[in-house]
Amino acid sequence: MADIDSGSAQAAPRKRADALRNQQRLLDAAAAAFVAAGVDAPVRDIAARAGVGVGTIYRHFPTRADLIVAVYRHQVEACAAAGPALLATSGTPHAALAGWIGLFVDFLVTKHGLAEALQSDAAAFETLHAYFLDRLVPVCAQLLDAAATAGEIRSDIDAYALLRGIGNLCVGAGNDPRYDARRMVGLLVAGLRLDHD
């Protein structure tokens, strides 16, 4: 009897790990499909990218809103985790800040259709904006503080205001091929530096 119980205990964690890996694969596939075709990408395309059946997607995410929210949260978490990692591995705090802002811009400009989805009446979308701010403003503030402490940038920059400004520079980036949001944000980031002449 003890052998059967111990075998079950070992199988359960493996199953949970497999389920988590499958869910990660689904989220990555959905994110790629959203970049390519927007949040209305067919579920069968997402399933094909993930190498699973359509039923598997619906088992994890019963509605499209559930899938969109999960992808959004997954990518916000990745962006939040990147801040401390960049701070630990970059040559300077300003380089970490610039690298993280680049990731943030990528996040904003590749969310085809997300803004429209967030404006819908779906209850699932109601808390996403607050979640986004709760997770990313503190990361930005940490990077700003480190760069200011190192004497690389001004010390009076508010993280929320900076993220809002970057967001405004990214609005409509995909609609006009003459407009380069990344270049404009790069100019903004360069403008944060203190003049050391």
C-alpha atoms as a PDB file:
ATOM      1  CA  MET A   1       0.000   0.000   0.000  1.00  0.00           C
ATOM      2  CA  ALA A   2       2.810   2.421   0.868  1.00  0.00           C
ATOM      3  CA  ASP A   3       4.421   1.831  -2.547  1.00  0.00           C
ATOM      4  CA  ILE A   4       1.214   2.759  -4.374  1.00  0.00           C
ATOM      5  CA  ASP A   5       0.803   5.933  -2.305  1.00  0.00           C
ATOM      6  CA  SER A   6       4.408   7.004  -2.872  1.00  0.00           C
ATOM      7  CA  GLY A   7       4.012   6.379  -6.607  1.00  0.00           C
ATOM      8  CA  SER A   8       0.917   8.569  -6.654  1.00  0.00           C
ATOM      9  CA  ALA A   9       2.723  11.312  -4.774  1.00  0.00           C
ATOM     10  CA  GLN A  10       5.483  11.278  -7.378  1.00  0.00           C
ATOM     11  CA  ALA A  11       3.036  11.265 -10.310  1.00  0.00           C
ATOM     12  CA  ALA A  12       1.059  14.271  -9.042  1.00  0.00           C
ATOM     13  CA  PRO A  13       3.984  16.763  -9.080  1.00  0.00           C
ATOM     14  CA  ARG A  14       5.052  15.504 -12.519  1.00  0.00           C
ATOM     15  CA  LYS A  15       1.505  16.006 -13.818  1.00  0.00           C
ATOM     16  CA  ARG A  16       1.388  19.524 -12.367  1.00  0.00           C
ATOM     17  CA  ALA A  17       4.774  20.333 -13.947  1.00  0.00           C
ATOM     18  CA  ASP A  18       3.575  18.968 -17.312  1.00  0.00           C
ATOM     19  CA  ALA A  19       0.368  20.976 -17.064  1.00  0.00           C
ATOM     20  CA  LEU A  20       2.358  24.141 -16.286  1.00  0.00           C
ATOM     21  CA  ARG A  21       4.666  23.526 -19.255  1.00  0.00           C
ATOM     22  CA  ASN A  22       1.646  22.966 -21.516  1.00  0.00           C
ATOM     23  CA  GLN A  23       0.042  26.149 -20.275  1.00  0.00           C
ATOM     24  CA  GLN A  24       3.286  28.104 -20.862  1.00  0.00           C
ATOM     25  CA  ARG A  25       3.484  26.671 -24.391  1.00  0.00           C
ATOM     26  CA  LEU A  26      -0.133  27.699 -25.021  1.00  0.00           C
ATOM     27  CA  LEU A  27       0.510  31.229 -23.727  1.00  0.00           C
ATOM     28  CA  ASP A  28       3.638  31.602 -25.865  1.00  0.00           C
ATOM     29  CA  ALA A  29       1.780  30.324 -28.923  1.00  0.00           C
ATOM     30  CA  ALA A  30      -1.163  32.639 -28.268  1.00  0.00           C
ATOM     31  CA  ALA A  31       1.161  35.617 -27.795  1.00  0.00           C
ATOM     32  CA  ALA A  32       2.857  34.857 -31.131  1.00  0.00           C
ATOM     33  CA  ALA A  33      -0.518  34.499 -32.846  1.00  0.00           C
ATOM     34  CA  PHE A  34      -1.708  37.785 -31.342  1.00  0.00           C
ATOM     35  CA  VAL A  35       1.417  39.545 -32.644  1.00  0.00           C
ATOM     36  CA  ALA A  36       0.862  38.097 -36.109  1.00  0.00           C
ATOM     37  CA  ALA A  37      -2.902  38.433 -36.404  1.00  0.00           C
ATOM     38  CA  GLY A  38      -4.274  40.319 -33.405  1.00  0.00           C
ATOM     39  CA  VAL A  39      -6.313  39.072 -30.459  1.00  0.00           C
ATOM     40  CA  ASP A  40      -8.960  37.677 -32.806  1.00  0.00           C
ATOM     41  CA  ALA A  41      -6.504  35.083 -34.180  1.00  0.00           C
ATOM     42  CA  PRO A  42      -8.355  31.788 -34.737  1.00  0.00           C
ATOM     43  CA  VAL A  43      -8.060  29.334 -31.855  1.00  0.00           C
ATOM     44  CA  ARG A  44      -7.137  26.585 -34.343  1.00  0.00           C
ATOM     45  CA  ASP A  45      -4.069  28.659 -35.372  1.00  0.00           C
ATOM     46  CA  ILE A  46      -3.023  29.034 -31.749  1.00  0.00           C
ATOM     47  CA  ALA A  47      -3.511  25.296 -31.190  1.00  0.00           C
ATOM     48  CA  ALA A  48      -1.393  24.507 -34.260  1.00  0.00           C
ATOM     49  CA  ARG A  49       1.408  26.804 -33.032  1.00  0.00           C
ATOM     50  CA  ALA A  50       1.327  25.106 -29.636  1.00  0.00           C
ATOM     51  CA  GLY A  51       1.115  21.600 -31.098  1.00  0.00           C
ATOM     52  CA  VAL A  52      -2.090  20.788 -29.218  1.00  0.00           C
ATOM     53  CA  GLY A  53      -5.737  20.248 -30.029  1.00  0.00           C
ATOM     54  CA  VAL A  54      -8.296  23.030 -29.868  1.00  0.00           C
ATOM     55  CA  GLY A  55      -9.961  21.243 -26.940  1.00  0.00           C
ATOM     56  CA  THR A  56      -6.777  21.617 -24.897  1.00  0.00           C
ATOM     57  CA  ILE A  57      -6.932  25.381 -25.270  1.00  0.00           C
ATOM     58  CA  TYR A  58     -10.558  25.492 -24.174  1.00  0.00           C
ATOM     59  CA  ARG A  59      -9.772  23.223 -21.232  1.00  0.00           C
ATOM     60  CA  HIS A  60      -7.178  25.749 -19.992  1.00  0.00           C
ATOM     61  CA  PHE A  61      -8.962  28.915 -21.200  1.00  0.00           C
ATOM     62  CA  PRO A  62     -12.733  28.470 -21.583  1.00  0.00           C
ATOM     63  CA  THR A  63     -13.246  31.851 -23.317  1.00  0.00           C
ATOM     64  CA  ARG A  64     -11.188  34.079 -25.602  1.00  0.00           C
ATOM     65  CA  ALA A  65     -11.233  36.715 -22.848  1.00  0.00           C
ATOM     66  CA  ASP A  66      -9.642  34.179 -20.467  1.00  0.00           C
ATOM     67  CA  LEU A  67      -6.898  33.511 -23.017  1.00  0.00           C
ATOM     68  CA  ILE A  68      -6.239  37.207 -23.691  1.00  0.00           C
ATOM     69  CA  VAL A  69      -6.052  37.991 -19.974  1.00  0.00           C
ATOM     70  CA  ALA A  70      -3.706  35.053 -19.371  1.00  0.00           C
ATOM     71  CA  VAL A  71      -1.380  36.077 -22.226  1.00  0.00           C
ATOM     72  CA  TYR A  72      -1.374  39.662 -21.015  1.00  0.00           C
ATOM     73  CA  ARG A  73      -0.590  38.650 -17.424  1.00  0.00           C
ATOM     74  CA  HIS A  74       2.110  36.226 -18.572  1.00  0.00           C
ATOM     75  CA  GLN A  75       3.830  38.942 -20.571  1.00  0.00           C
ATOM     76  CA  VAL A  76       3.481  41.546 -17.821  1.00  0.00           C
ATOM     77  CA  GLU A  77       5.152  39.075 -15.451  1.00  0.00           C
ATOM     78  CA  ALA A  78       7.984  38.485 -17.927  1.00  0.00           C
ATOM     79  CA  CYS A  79       8.478  42.252 -18.291  1.00  0.00           C
ATOM     80  CA  ALA A  80       8.428  42.716 -14.513  1.00  0.00           C
ATOM     81  CA  ALA A  81      10.980  39.925 -13.986  1.00  0.00           C
ATOM     82  CA  ALA A  82      13.275  41.394 -16.652  1.00  0.00           C
ATOM     83  CA  GLY A  83      13.863  44.627 -14.674  1.00  0.00           C
ATOM     84  CA  PRO A  84      15.841  43.162 -11.759  1.00  0.00           C
ATOM     85  CA  ALA A  85      17.596  40.721 -14.111  1.00  0.00           C
ATOM     86  CA  LEU A  86      18.778  43.560 -16.354  1.00  0.00           C
ATOM     87  CA  LEU A  87      19.868  45.591 -13.338  1.00  0.00           C
ATOM     88  CA  ALA A  88      21.986  42.662 -12.158  1.00  0.00           C
ATOM     89  CA  THR A  89      23.585  41.959 -15.551  1.00  0.00           C
ATOM     90  CA  SER A  90      23.875  45.296 -17.379  1.00  0.00           C
ATOM     91  CA  GLY A  91      27.020  47.415 -17.364  1.00  0.00           C
ATOM     92  CA  THR A  92      25.251  50.409 -15.826  1.00  0.00           C
ATOM     93  CA  PRO A  93      21.860  51.151 -14.286  1.00  0.00           C
ATOM     94  CA  HIS A  94      21.090  53.428 -17.260  1.00  0.00           C
ATOM     95  CA  ALA A  95      21.816  50.551 -19.649  1.00  0.00           C
ATOM     96  CA  ALA A  96      19.462  48.358 -17.592  1.00  0.00           C
ATOM     97  CA  LEU A  97      16.786  51.066 -17.711  1.00  0.00           C
ATOM     98  CA  ALA A  98      17.190  51.510 -21.476  1.00  0.00           C
ATOM     99  CA  GLY A  99      17.061  47.744 -22.044  1.00  0.00           C
ATOM    100  CA  TRP A 100      13.960  47.374 -19.908  1.00  0.00           C
ATOM    101  CA  ILE A 101      12.212  50.272 -21.607  1.00  0.00           C
ATOM    102  CA  GLY A 102      12.988  48.571 -24.928  1.00  0.00           C
ATOM    103  CA  LEU A 103      11.204  45.447 -23.676  1.00  0.00           C
ATOM    104  CA  PHE A 104       8.308  47.575 -22.444  1.00  0.00           C
ATOM    105  CA  VAL A 105       8.005  49.237 -25.865  1.00  0.00           C
ATOM    106  CA  ASP A 106       8.028  45.832 -27.559  1.00  0.00           C
ATOM    107  CA  PHE A 107       5.264  44.772 -25.195  1.00  0.00           C
ATOM    108  CA  LEU A 108       3.185  47.851 -26.067  1.00  0.00           C
ATOM    109  CA  VAL A 109       3.616  47.897 -29.831  1.00  0.00           C
ATOM    110  CA  THR A 110       3.041  44.176 -30.352  1.00  0.00           C
ATOM    111  CA  LYS A 111      -0.306  44.026 -28.564  1.00  0.00           C
ATOM    112  CA  HIS A 112      -2.396  44.203 -31.736  1.00  0.00           C
ATOM    113  CA  GLY A 113      -6.031  44.509 -30.756  1.00  0.00           C
ATOM    114  CA  LEU A 114      -5.378  44.392 -27.020  1.00  0.00           C
ATOM    115  CA  ALA A 115      -6.364  48.009 -26.488  1.00  0.00           C
ATOM    116  CA  GLU A 116      -9.700  47.389 -28.196  1.00  0.00           C
ATOM    117  CA  ALA A 117     -10.231  44.194 -26.230  1.00  0.00           C
ATOM    118  CA  LEU A 118      -9.563  46.045 -22.994  1.00  0.00           C
ATOM    119  CA  GLN A 119     -12.305  48.532 -23.882  1.00  0.00           C
ATOM    120  CA  SER A 120     -14.888  45.749 -24.096  1.00  0.00           C
ATOM    121  CA  ASP A 121     -17.489  45.069 -21.437  1.00  0.00           C
ATOM    122  CA  ALA A 122     -15.953  41.703 -20.500  1.00  0.00           C
ATOM    123  CA  ALA A 123     -15.531  41.505 -16.733  1.00  0.00           C
ATOM    124  CA  ALA A 124     -12.234  39.662 -17.218  1.00  0.00           C
ATOM    125  CA  PHE A 125     -10.604  42.844 -18.525  1.00  0.00           C
ATOM    126  CA  GLU A 126     -11.670  45.130 -15.698  1.00  0.00           C
ATOM    127  CA  THR A 127      -8.649  44.566 -13.463  1.00  0.00           C
ATOM    128  CA  LEU A 128      -5.946  44.306 -16.146  1.00  0.00           C
ATOM    129  CA  HIS A 129      -4.973  47.966 -16.206  1.00  0.00           C
ATOM    130  CA  ALA A 130      -4.503  48.077 -12.428  1.00  0.00           C
ATOM    131  CA  TYR A 131      -2.550  44.816 -12.589  1.00  0.00           C
ATOM    132  CA  PHE A 132      -0.303  46.262 -15.289  1.00  0.00           C
ATOM    133  CA  LEU A 133       0.437  49.352 -13.179  1.00  0.00           C
ATOM    134  CA  ASP A 134       0.861  47.393  -9.936  1.00  0.00           C
ATOM    135  CA  ARG A 135       3.485  45.128 -11.500  1.00  0.00           C
ATOM    136  CA  LEU A 136       5.393  47.485 -13.814  1.00  0.00           C
ATOM    137  CA  VAL A 137       5.481  50.891 -12.081  1.00  0.00           C
ATOM    138  CA  PRO A 138       7.559  49.550  -9.135  1.00  0.00           C
ATOM    139  CA  VAL A 139      10.016  47.877 -11.545  1.00  0.00           C
ATOM    140  CA  CYS A 140      10.426  51.112 -13.481  1.00  0.00           C
ATOM    141  CA  ALA A 141      10.859  53.019 -10.203  1.00  0.00           C
ATOM    142  CA  GLN A 142      13.587  50.596  -9.084  1.00  0.00           C
ATOM    143  CA  LEU A 143      15.474  51.109 -12.359  1.00  0.00           C
ATOM    144  CA  LEU A 144      15.059  54.885 -12.199  1.00  0.00           C
ATOM    145  CA  ASP A 145      16.270  54.974  -8.588  1.00  0.00           C
ATOM    146  CA  ALA A 146      19.346  52.903  -9.429  1.00  0.00           C
ATOM    147  CA  ALA A 147      20.235  55.116 -12.398  1.00  0.00           C
ATOM    148  CA  ALA A 148      19.652  58.304 -10.356  1.00  0.00           C
ATOM    149  CA  THR A 149      21.740  56.972  -7.451  1.00  0.00           C
ATOM    150  CA  ALA A 150      24.540  56.228  -9.921  1.00  0.00           C
ATOM    151  CA  GLY A 151      24.344  59.859 -11.089  1.00  0.00           C
ATOM    152  CA  GLU A 152      23.342  58.850 -14.618  1.00  0.00           C
ATOM    153  CA  ILE A 153      19.891  60.434 -14.806  1.00  0.00           C
ATOM    154  CA  ARG A 154      17.852  63.132 -13.131  1.00  0.00           C
ATOM    155  CA  SER A 155      16.391  62.158  -9.791  1.00  0.00           C
ATOM    156  CA  ASP A 156      12.992  63.801 -10.267  1.00  0.00           C
ATOM    157  CA  ILE A 157      11.504  61.362 -12.798  1.00  0.00           C
ATOM    158  CA  ASP A 158       8.242  59.713 -11.776  1.00  0.00           C
ATOM    159  CA  ALA A 159       7.914  56.078 -12.918  1.00  0.00           C
ATOM    160  CA  TYR A 160       4.185  56.305 -13.627  1.00  0.00           C
ATOM    161  CA  ALA A 161       4.591  59.495 -15.662  1.00  0.00           C
ATOM    162  CA  LEU A 162       7.464  57.979 -17.643  1.00  0.00           C
ATOM    163  CA  LEU A 163       5.509  54.812 -18.465  1.00  0.00           C
ATOM    164  CA  ARG A 164       2.493  56.894 -19.412  1.00  0.00           C
ATOM    165  CA  GLY A 165       4.649  59.062 -21.697  1.00  0.00           C
ATOM    166  CA  ILE A 166       6.175  55.988 -23.324  1.00  0.00           C
ATOM    167  CA  GLY A 167       2.696  54.556 -23.787  1.00  0.00           C
ATOM    168  CA  ASN A 168       1.576  57.759 -25.484  1.00  0.00           C
ATOM    169  CA  LEU A 169       4.579  57.622 -27.831  1.00  0.00           C
ATOM    170  CA  CYS A 170       3.608  54.062 -28.781  1.00  0.00           C
ATOM    171  CA  VAL A 171      -0.049  54.783 -29.578  1.00  0.00           C
ATOM    172  CA  GLY A 172      -0.771  53.955 -33.202  1.00  0.00           C
ATOM    173  CA  ALA A 173       2.806  52.809 -33.864  1.00  0.00           C
ATOM    174  CA  GLY A 174       1.597  50.032 -36.152  1.00  0.00           C
ATOM    175  CA  ASN A 175      -0.697  52.276 -38.200  1.00  0.00           C
ATOM    176  CA  ASP A 176       1.876  54.585 -39.794  1.00  0.00           C
ATOM    177  CA  PRO A 177       5.037  53.154 -41.376  1.00  0.00           C
ATOM    178  CA  ARG A 178       6.655  56.608 -41.244  1.00  0.00           C
ATOM    179  CA  TYR A 179       6.396  56.736 -37.463  1.00  0.00           C
ATOM    180  CA  ASP A 180       9.059  54.891 -35.464  1.00  0.00           C
ATOM    181  CA  ALA A 181       7.897  54.646 -31.849  1.00  0.00           C
ATOM    182  CA  ARG A 182      11.097  52.908 -30.767  1.00  0.00           C
ATOM    183  CA  ARG A 183      13.198  55.778 -32.094  1.00  0.00           C
ATOM    184  CA  MET A 184      11.049  58.363 -30.323  1.00  0.00           C
ATOM    185  CA  VAL A 185      11.242  56.433 -27.052  1.00  0.00           C
ATOM    186  CA  GLY A 186      15.006  56.120 -27.533  1.00  0.00           C
ATOM    187  CA  LEU A 187      15.231  59.904 -27.753  1.00  0.00           C
ATOM    188  CA  LEU A 188      13.178  60.177 -24.571  1.00  0.00           C
ATOM    189  CA  VAL A 189      15.470  57.742 -22.735  1.00  0.00           C
ATOM    190  CA  ALA A 190      18.565  59.586 -23.974  1.00  0.00           C
ATOM    191  CA  GLY A 191      17.017  62.810 -22.673  1.00  0.00           C
ATOM    192  CA  LEU A 192      16.855  61.355 -19.145  1.00  0.00           C
ATOM    193  CA  ARG A 193      20.642  61.387 -18.884  1.00  0.00           C
ATOM    194  CA  LEU A 194      22.384  64.094 -16.907  1.00  0.00           C
ATOM    195  CA  ASP A 195      24.693  66.350 -18.872  1.00  0.00           C
ATOM    196  CA  HIS A 196      28.221  65.543 -17.711  1.00  0.00           C
ATOM    197  CA  ASP A 197      30.053  68.160 -19.835  1.00  0.00           C
END
